[in-house]
Amino acid sequence: MALPTLKVERLYRQISNVLINCIKSAQFAPGEMIPSERDLSKQLGVSRSSIREALIALEITGWIEIRTGNGVYVSNPLPLQPVTQSEEEFSLQSLIKARQIYECTTAELAALNGTDDQREKLAEINHELTQLNINNDAFLEEDRRFHLMISEMTGNEVLRDMMEYLWDKRNSRRFVRLETHYTDTDFAREMNTDHQAITDAILARDAQGAKAAMQGHLQHVYDRLFSE
């Protein structure tokens, strides 16, 4: 007897499927506001951050509309053919946590191994970055240069390539939509305060300080996007 292959689904995808079934069964009608993140979290027994990630996926596929500050509504009309997600599936929460683990190490190594020329370059990039206080394409490009420069300062080209790989994952539609809904005009300014602390520690060759500053920075990102 041939047994079916079992498919392991991400938690956010499991939650999405539950909510889609609620919409299809008219438990949540088109145009109707669905329960809050807090209520869904209690009913499904999962974290609000997982609910939020599921809602982002549902919005991209056309099932719901997130009206920031006003609730989440079932699309009206419902999508005739829901958009399929062609991009690689991964948890957005896991992406930030992976970066936190990884970049704490690169910041520490950058403080220890960076050359004088690289330290000067990092200071220049940080200066350019801190002039940008709006979370737009220009800010994100300088932010990318900042994090890649730190990984380059480790002296290990593989670590640099790995940083580029992790950074590029933030270009997923789900991450971009999440950031659009849950960051505001102060986001870039807050991030630049962190960038300055990271830069100061690396320039001072303070490995533990650089590690702690990077840990705090990516925790701030996580808290802003997935705050309970």
Foldseek 3Di string as FASTA:
>chain_A
DDDDDDDDDDLLVVLLVVVVVCDVVVVADAFHFDDDLVVSCVVVVHASLSPVLNLLVCVQQQQWDQDFPPGIGGHVVGDPGGDDDPDDDDDPLVLLVVCLVLLLVLLLLLLQQADPVLLVVLVVLLVVLLVDQAPDPVNLVSVLVNSLSSNVSSVDVVSSVVSVVSSVVCPGSSNVSLCVRQDDSRVSVVLSVLSVQLSVCSSVSNSNSNSVSSNVNSVVVSCRSRPD
